[in-house]
Amino acid sequence: RETRARSFLLLEFPVGCWFCETPEPTGLVSV
């Protein structure tokens, strides 16, 4: 829930609801 972080995910396209619109595994990168 943080708004500032050193680690996050990078997505090809943004999502509105993570539970409803989770990308496939190849569509995200851990940063």
All heavy atoms as atom14 arrays in JSON, in Angstrom:
{
  "sequence": "RETRARSFLLLEFPVGCWFCETPEPTGLVSV",
  "atom14_mask": [
    [1, 1, 1, 1, 1, 1, 1, 1, 1, 1, 1, 0, 0, 0],
    [1, 1, 1, 1, 1, 1, 1, 1, 1, 0, 0, 0, 0, 0],
    [1, 1, 1, 1, 1, 1, 1, 0, 0, 0, 0, 0, 0, 0],
    [1, 1, 1, 1, 1, 1, 1, 1, 1, 1, 1, 0, 0, 0],
    [1, 1, 1, 1, 1, 0, 0, 0, 0, 0, 0, 0, 0, 0],
    [1, 1, 1, 1, 1, 1, 1, 1, 1, 1, 1, 0, 0, 0],
    [1, 1, 1, 1, 1, 1, 0, 0, 0, 0, 0, 0, 0, 0],
    [1, 1, 1, 1, 1, 1, 1, 1, 1, 1, 1, 0, 0, 0],
    [1, 1, 1, 1, 1, 1, 1, 1, 0, 0, 0, 0, 0, 0],
    [1, 1, 1, 1, 1, 1, 1, 1, 0, 0, 0, 0, 0, 0],
    [1, 1, 1, 1, 1, 1, 1, 1, 0, 0, 0, 0, 0, 0],
    [1, 1, 1, 1, 1, 1, 1, 1, 1, 0, 0, 0, 0, 0],
    [1, 1, 1, 1, 1, 1, 1, 1, 1, 1, 1, 0, 0, 0],
    [1, 1, 1, 1, 1, 1, 1, 0, 0, 0, 0, 0, 0, 0],
    [1, 1, 1, 1, 1, 1, 1, 0, 0, 0, 0, 0, 0, 0],
    [1, 1, 1, 1, 0, 0, 0, 0, 0, 0, 0, 0, 0, 0],
    [1, 1, 1, 1, 1, 1, 0, 0, 0, 0, 0, 0, 0, 0],
    [1, 1, 1, 1, 1, 1, 1, 1, 1, 1, 1, 1, 1, 1],
    [1, 1, 1, 1, 1, 1, 1, 1, 1, 1, 1, 0, 0, 0],
    [1, 1, 1, 1, 1, 1, 0, 0, 0, 0, 0, 0, 0, 0],
    [1, 1, 1, 1, 1, 1, 1, 1, 1, 0, 0, 0, 0, 0],
    [1, 1, 1, 1, 1, 1, 1, 0, 0, 0, 0, 0, 0, 0],
    [1, 1, 1, 1, 1, 1, 1, 0, 0, 0, 0, 0, 0, 0],
    [1, 1, 1, 1, 1, 1, 1, 1, 1, 0, 0, 0, 0, 0],
    [1, 1, 1, 1, 1, 1, 1, 0, 0, 0, 0, 0, 0, 0],
    [1, 1, 1, 1, 1, 1, 1, 0, 0, 0, 0, 0, 0, 0],
    [1, 1, 1, 1, 0, 0, 0, 0, 0, 0, 0, 0, 0, 0],
    [1, 1, 1, 1, 1, 1, 1, 1, 0, 0, 0, 0, 0, 0],
    [1, 1, 1, 1, 1, 1, 1, 0, 0, 0, 0, 0, 0, 0],
    [1, 1, 1, 1, 1, 1, 0, 0, 0, 0, 0, 0, 0, 0],
    [1, 1, 1, 1, 1, 1, 1, 0, 0, 0, 0, 0, 0, 0]
  ],
  "atom14_positions": [
    [[0.81, -1.22, 0.0], [0.0, 0.0, 0.0], [0.85, 1.27, 0.0], [0.31, 2.38, 0.08], [-0.93, 0.01, 1.23], [-1.96, -1.11, 1.23], [-2.83, -1.05, 2.46], [-3.86, -2.08, 2.45], [-5.03, -1.96, 1.86], [-5.34, -0.85, 1.23], [-5.91, -2.95, 1.88], [0.0, 0.0, 0.0], [0.0, 0.0, 0.0], [0.0, 0.0, 0.0]],
    [[2.17, 1.11, -0.05], [3.04, 2.28, 0.06], [2.93, 3.18, -1.18], [2.59, 2.71, -2.27], [4.5, 1.84, 0.24], [5.1, 1.13, -0.98], [4.82, -0.36, -1.02], [4.02, -0.84, -0.2], [5.4, -1.05, -1.88], [0.0, 0.0, 0.0], [0.0, 0.0, 0.0], [0.0, 0.0, 0.0], [0.0, 0.0, 0.0], [0.0, 0.0, 0.0]],
    [[3.21, 4.44, -0.97], [3.23, 5.4, -2.08], [4.66, 5.75, -2.46], [4.89, 6.4, -3.49], [2.48, 6.69, -1.7], [3.09, 7.26, -0.54], [1.01, 6.39, -1.41], [0.0, 0.0, 0.0], [0.0, 0.0, 0.0], [0.0, 0.0, 0.0], [0.0, 0.0, 0.0], [0.0, 0.0, 0.0], [0.0, 0.0, 0.0], [0.0, 0.0, 0.0]],
    [[5.61, 5.35, -1.63], [7.02, 5.57, -1.92], [7.76, 4.27, -1.62], [7.54, 3.64, -0.58], [7.57, 6.72, -1.07], [8.98, 7.14, -1.43], [9.43, 8.35, -0.64], [10.77, 8.74, -1.05], [11.04, 9.53, -2.09], [10.03, 10.04, -2.79], [12.28, 9.83, -2.43], [0.0, 0.0, 0.0], [0.0, 0.0, 0.0], [0.0, 0.0, 0.0]],
    [[8.63, 3.83, -2.52], [9.26, 2.53, -2.33], [10.54, 2.41, -3.14], [10.78, 3.17, -4.09], [8.29, 1.42, -2.74], [0.0, 0.0, 0.0], [0.0, 0.0, 0.0], [0.0, 0.0, 0.0], [0.0, 0.0, 0.0], [0.0, 0.0, 0.0], [0.0, 0.0, 0.0], [0.0, 0.0, 0.0], [0.0, 0.0, 0.0], [0.0, 0.0, 0.0]],
    [[11.35, 1.43, -2.74], [12.54, 1.09, -3.51], [12.27, -0.11, -4.41], [12.9, -0.3, -5.44], [13.68, 0.77, -2.56], [14.98, 0.4, -3.27], [16.04, -0.07, -2.3], [17.08, -0.81, -2.99], [17.86, -1.7, -2.42], [17.71, -1.98, -1.15], [18.78, -2.32, -3.13], [0.0, 0.0, 0.0], [0.0, 0.0, 0.0], [0.0, 0.0, 0.0]],
    [[11.29, -0.94, -4.02], [10.92, -2.13, -4.8], [9.46, -2.04, -5.23], [8.6, -1.63, -4.44], [11.14, -3.4, -3.97], [12.49, -3.54, -3.6], [0.0, 0.0, 0.0], [0.0, 0.0, 0.0], [0.0, 0.0, 0.0], [0.0, 0.0, 0.0], [0.0, 0.0, 0.0], [0.0, 0.0, 0.0], [0.0, 0.0, 0.0], [0.0, 0.0, 0.0]],
    [[9.18, -2.43, -6.44], [7.82, -2.38, -6.99], [7.78, -3.26, -8.22], [8.79, -3.86, -8.62], [7.42, -0.94, -7.32], [8.41, -0.21, -8.18], [8.37, -0.29, -9.57], [9.43, 0.55, -7.59], [9.29, 0.38, -10.35], [10.37, 1.21, -8.37], [10.31, 1.13, -9.74], [0.0, 0.0, 0.0], [0.0, 0.0, 0.0], [0.0, 0.0, 0.0]],
    [[6.62, -3.37, -8.84], [6.47, -4.1, -10.08], [6.38, -3.13, -11.25], [5.86, -2.01, -11.1], [5.22, -4.98, -10.05], [5.17, -6.06, -8.97], [3.84, -6.8, -9.04], [6.33, -7.03, -9.11], [0.0, 0.0, 0.0], [0.0, 0.0, 0.0], [0.0, 0.0, 0.0], [0.0, 0.0, 0.0], [0.0, 0.0, 0.0], [0.0, 0.0, 0.0]],
    [[6.87, -3.55, -12.39], [6.74, -2.77, -13.63], [5.84, -3.56, -14.57], [6.07, -4.76, -14.81], [8.1, -2.53, -14.27], [8.09, -1.48, -15.4], [7.9, -0.08, -14.82], [9.39, -1.54, -16.2], [0.0, 0.0, 0.0], [0.0, 0.0, 0.0], [0.0, 0.0, 0.0], [0.0, 0.0, 0.0], [0.0, 0.0, 0.0], [0.0, 0.0, 0.0]],
    [[4.81, -2.91, -15.11], [3.84, -3.57, -15.98], [3.9, -2.97, -17.38], [4.23, -1.79, -17.56], [2.42, -3.41, -15.43], [2.18, -3.69, -13.95], [0.71, -3.54, -13.64], [2.67, -5.07, -13.58], [0.0, 0.0, 0.0], [0.0, 0.0, 0.0], [0.0, 0.0, 0.0], [0.0, 0.0, 0.0], [0.0, 0.0, 0.0], [0.0, 0.0, 0.0]],
    [[3.5, -3.77, -18.36], [3.41, -3.26, -19.73], [2.31, -2.23, -19.84], [2.46, -1.21, -20.51], [3.14, -4.41, -20.71], [3.05, -3.98, -22.15], [2.77, -5.13, -23.09], [2.51, -6.26, -22.61], [2.8, -4.9, -24.32], [0.0, 0.0, 0.0], [0.0, 0.0, 0.0], [0.0, 0.0, 0.0], [0.0, 0.0, 0.0], [0.0, 0.0, 0.0]],
    [[1.19, -2.48, -19.16], [0.06, -1.56, -19.14], [-0.43, -1.44, -17.7], [-0.36, -2.4, -16.94], [-1.08, -2.06, -20.04], [-0.72, -2.11, -21.49], [-0.29, -3.3, -22.07], [-0.78, -0.98, -22.28], [0.06, -3.36, -23.41], [-0.43, -1.03, -23.63], [-0.01, -2.22, -24.19], [0.0, 0.0, 0.0], [0.0, 0.0, 0.0], [0.0, 0.0, 0.0]],
    [[-0.95, -0.28, -17.31], [-1.43, -0.11, -15.93], [-2.7, -0.91, -15.68], [-3.42, -1.26, -16.61], [-1.7, 1.4, -15.83], [-1.99, 1.82, -17.23], [-1.13, 0.94, -18.11], [0.0, 0.0, 0.0], [0.0, 0.0, 0.0], [0.0, 0.0, 0.0], [0.0, 0.0, 0.0], [0.0, 0.0, 0.0], [0.0, 0.0, 0.0], [0.0, 0.0, 0.0]],
    [[-2.99, -1.21, -14.41], [-4.22, -1.89, -14.03], [-4.99, -1.02, -13.06], [-4.41, -0.2, -12.33], [-3.94, -3.27, -13.38], [-3.18, -4.17, -14.32], [-3.19, -3.12, -12.06], [0.0, 0.0, 0.0], [0.0, 0.0, 0.0], [0.0, 0.0, 0.0], [0.0, 0.0, 0.0], [0.0, 0.0, 0.0], [0.0, 0.0, 0.0], [0.0, 0.0, 0.0]],
    [[-6.31, -1.18, -13.06], [-7.15, -0.44, -12.13], [-7.34, -1.19, -10.83], [-7.21, -0.64, -9.75], [0.0, 0.0, 0.0], [0.0, 0.0, 0.0], [0.0, 0.0, 0.0], [0.0, 0.0, 0.0], [0.0, 0.0, 0.0], [0.0, 0.0, 0.0], [0.0, 0.0, 0.0], [0.0, 0.0, 0.0], [0.0, 0.0, 0.0], [0.0, 0.0, 0.0]],
    [[-7.62, -2.49, -10.93], [-7.84, -3.33, -9.75], [-6.94, -4.55, -9.88], [-7.09, -5.35, -10.8], [-9.31, -3.74, -9.66], [-9.63, -4.99, -8.39], [0.0, 0.0, 0.0], [0.0, 0.0, 0.0], [0.0, 0.0, 0.0], [0.0, 0.0, 0.0], [0.0, 0.0, 0.0], [0.0, 0.0, 0.0], [0.0, 0.0, 0.0], [0.0, 0.0, 0.0]],
    [[-5.99, -4.7, -8.95], [-5.02, -5.79, -9.05], [-5.69, -7.16, -8.99], [-5.27, -8.1, -9.64], [-3.98, -5.67, -7.94], [-2.9, -6.69, -8.05], [-2.73, -7.8, -7.3], [-1.82, -6.7, -9.0], [-1.62, -8.51, -7.7], [-1.04, -7.86, -8.75], [-1.44, -5.84, -10.04], [0.08, -8.17, -9.49], [-0.33, -6.17, -10.78], [0.43, -7.31, -10.51]],
    [[-6.76, -7.29, -8.21], [-7.43, -8.57, -8.06], [-8.21, -8.94, -9.33], [-8.31, -10.1, -9.69], [-8.37, -8.55, -6.86], [-7.64, -8.4, -5.55], [-7.47, -7.15, -4.99], [-7.12, -9.5, -4.9], [-6.79, -7.0, -3.78], [-6.44, -9.37, -3.7], [-6.27, -8.11, -3.14], [0.0, 0.0, 0.0], [0.0, 0.0, 0.0], [0.0, 0.0, 0.0]],
    [[-8.76, -7.93, -9.99], [-9.61, -8.18, -11.15], [-8.83, -8.19, -12.47], [-9.29, -8.75, -13.45], [-10.73, -7.13, -11.24], [-11.74, -7.0, -9.76], [0.0, 0.0, 0.0], [0.0, 0.0, 0.0], [0.0, 0.0, 0.0], [0.0, 0.0, 0.0], [0.0, 0.0, 0.0], [0.0, 0.0, 0.0], [0.0, 0.0, 0.0], [0.0, 0.0, 0.0]],
    [[-7.67, -7.51, -12.51], [-6.98, -7.3, -13.78], [-5.52, -7.74, -13.72], [-4.67, -7.18, -14.38], [-7.04, -5.81, -14.16], [-8.44, -5.24, -14.23], [-8.42, -3.73, -14.46], [-7.62, -3.27, -15.28], [-9.21, -3.02, -13.82], [0.0, 0.0, 0.0], [0.0, 0.0, 0.0], [0.0, 0.0, 0.0], [0.0, 0.0, 0.0], [0.0, 0.0, 0.0]],
    [[-5.22, -8.75, -12.92], [-3.84, -9.2, -12.77], [-3.24, -9.6, -14.12], [-3.81, -10.43, -14.82], [-3.77, -10.39, -11.81], [-4.42, -10.04, -10.61], [-2.32, -10.75, -11.52], [0.0, 0.0, 0.0], [0.0, 0.0, 0.0], [0.0, 0.0, 0.0], [0.0, 0.0, 0.0], [0.0, 0.0, 0.0], [0.0, 0.0, 0.0], [0.0, 0.0, 0.0]],
    [[-2.08, -9.05, -14.5], [-1.46, -9.44, -15.76], [-0.94, -10.87, -15.7], [-0.74, -11.45, -14.63], [-0.29, -8.45, -15.9], [-0.54, -7.39, -14.89], [-1.33, -8.01, -13.8], [0.0, 0.0, 0.0], [0.0, 0.0, 0.0], [0.0, 0.0, 0.0], [0.0, 0.0, 0.0], [0.0, 0.0, 0.0], [0.0, 0.0, 0.0], [0.0, 0.0, 0.0]],
    [[-0.68, -11.45, -16.87], [-0.04, -12.75, -16.93], [1.41, -12.61, -16.46], [1.96, -11.51, -16.44], [-0.1, -13.33, -18.34], [0.44, -12.45, -19.43], [-0.65, -11.61, -20.07], [-1.6, -11.22, -19.38], [-0.54, -11.36, -21.28], [0.0, 0.0, 0.0], [0.0, 0.0, 0.0], [0.0, 0.0, 0.0], [0.0, 0.0, 0.0], [0.0, 0.0, 0.0]],
    [[2.07, -13.7, -16.05], [3.43, -13.61, -15.51], [4.44, -12.95, -16.44], [5.39, -12.34, -15.97], [3.8, -15.07, -15.25], [2.51, -15.77, -15.08], [1.54, -15.08, -16.0], [0.0, 0.0, 0.0], [0.0, 0.0, 0.0], [0.0, 0.0, 0.0], [0.0, 0.0, 0.0], [0.0, 0.0, 0.0], [0.0, 0.0, 0.0], [0.0, 0.0, 0.0]],
    [[4.24, -13.08, -17.74], [5.18, -12.48, -18.69], [4.94, -10.99, -18.88], [5.67, -10.34, -19.61], [5.08, -13.18, -20.06], [3.73, -13.1, -20.53], [5.48, -14.64, -19.94], [0.0, 0.0, 0.0], [0.0, 0.0, 0.0], [0.0, 0.0, 0.0], [0.0, 0.0, 0.0], [0.0, 0.0, 0.0], [0.0, 0.0, 0.0], [0.0, 0.0, 0.0]],
    [[3.91, -10.45, -18.24], [3.56, -9.05, -18.4], [3.94, -8.18, -17.23], [3.42, -7.07, -17.09], [0.0, 0.0, 0.0], [0.0, 0.0, 0.0], [0.0, 0.0, 0.0], [0.0, 0.0, 0.0], [0.0, 0.0, 0.0], [0.0, 0.0, 0.0], [0.0, 0.0, 0.0], [0.0, 0.0, 0.0], [0.0, 0.0, 0.0], [0.0, 0.0, 0.0]],
    [[4.88, -8.67, -16.38], [5.33, -7.85, -15.25], [6.78, -8.18, -14.9], [7.26, -9.29, -15.16], [4.42, -8.03, -14.04], [4.05, -9.44, -13.59], [5.13, -10.0, -12.67], [2.71, -9.44, -12.87], [0.0, 0.0, 0.0], [0.0, 0.0, 0.0], [0.0, 0.0, 0.0], [0.0, 0.0, 0.0], [0.0, 0.0, 0.0], [0.0, 0.0, 0.0]],
    [[7.48, -7.21, -14.33], [8.88, -7.34, -13.93], [9.01, -6.81, -12.51], [8.52, -5.73, -12.2], [9.81, -6.56, -14.88], [11.26, -6.6, -14.39], [9.72, -7.12, -16.3], [0.0, 0.0, 0.0], [0.0, 0.0, 0.0], [0.0, 0.0, 0.0], [0.0, 0.0, 0.0], [0.0, 0.0, 0.0], [0.0, 0.0, 0.0], [0.0, 0.0, 0.0]],
    [[9.7, -7.57, -11.66], [9.99, -7.12, -10.3], [11.2, -6.2, -10.33], [12.24, -6.57, -10.9], [10.26, -8.32, -9.39], [10.65, -7.91, -8.1], [0.0, 0.0, 0.0], [0.0, 0.0, 0.0], [0.0, 0.0, 0.0], [0.0, 0.0, 0.0], [0.0, 0.0, 0.0], [0.0, 0.0, 0.0], [0.0, 0.0, 0.0], [0.0, 0.0, 0.0]],
    [[11.08, -5.01, -9.76], [12.13, -4.0, -9.83], [12.69, -3.7, -8.44], [11.94, -3.51, -7.49], [11.59, -2.68, -10.45], [12.68, -1.61, -10.46], [11.07, -2.93, -11.86], [0.0, 0.0, 0.0], [0.0, 0.0, 0.0], [0.0, 0.0, 0.0], [0.0, 0.0, 0.0], [0.0, 0.0, 0.0], [0.0, 0.0, 0.0], [0.0, 0.0, 0.0]]
  ]
}
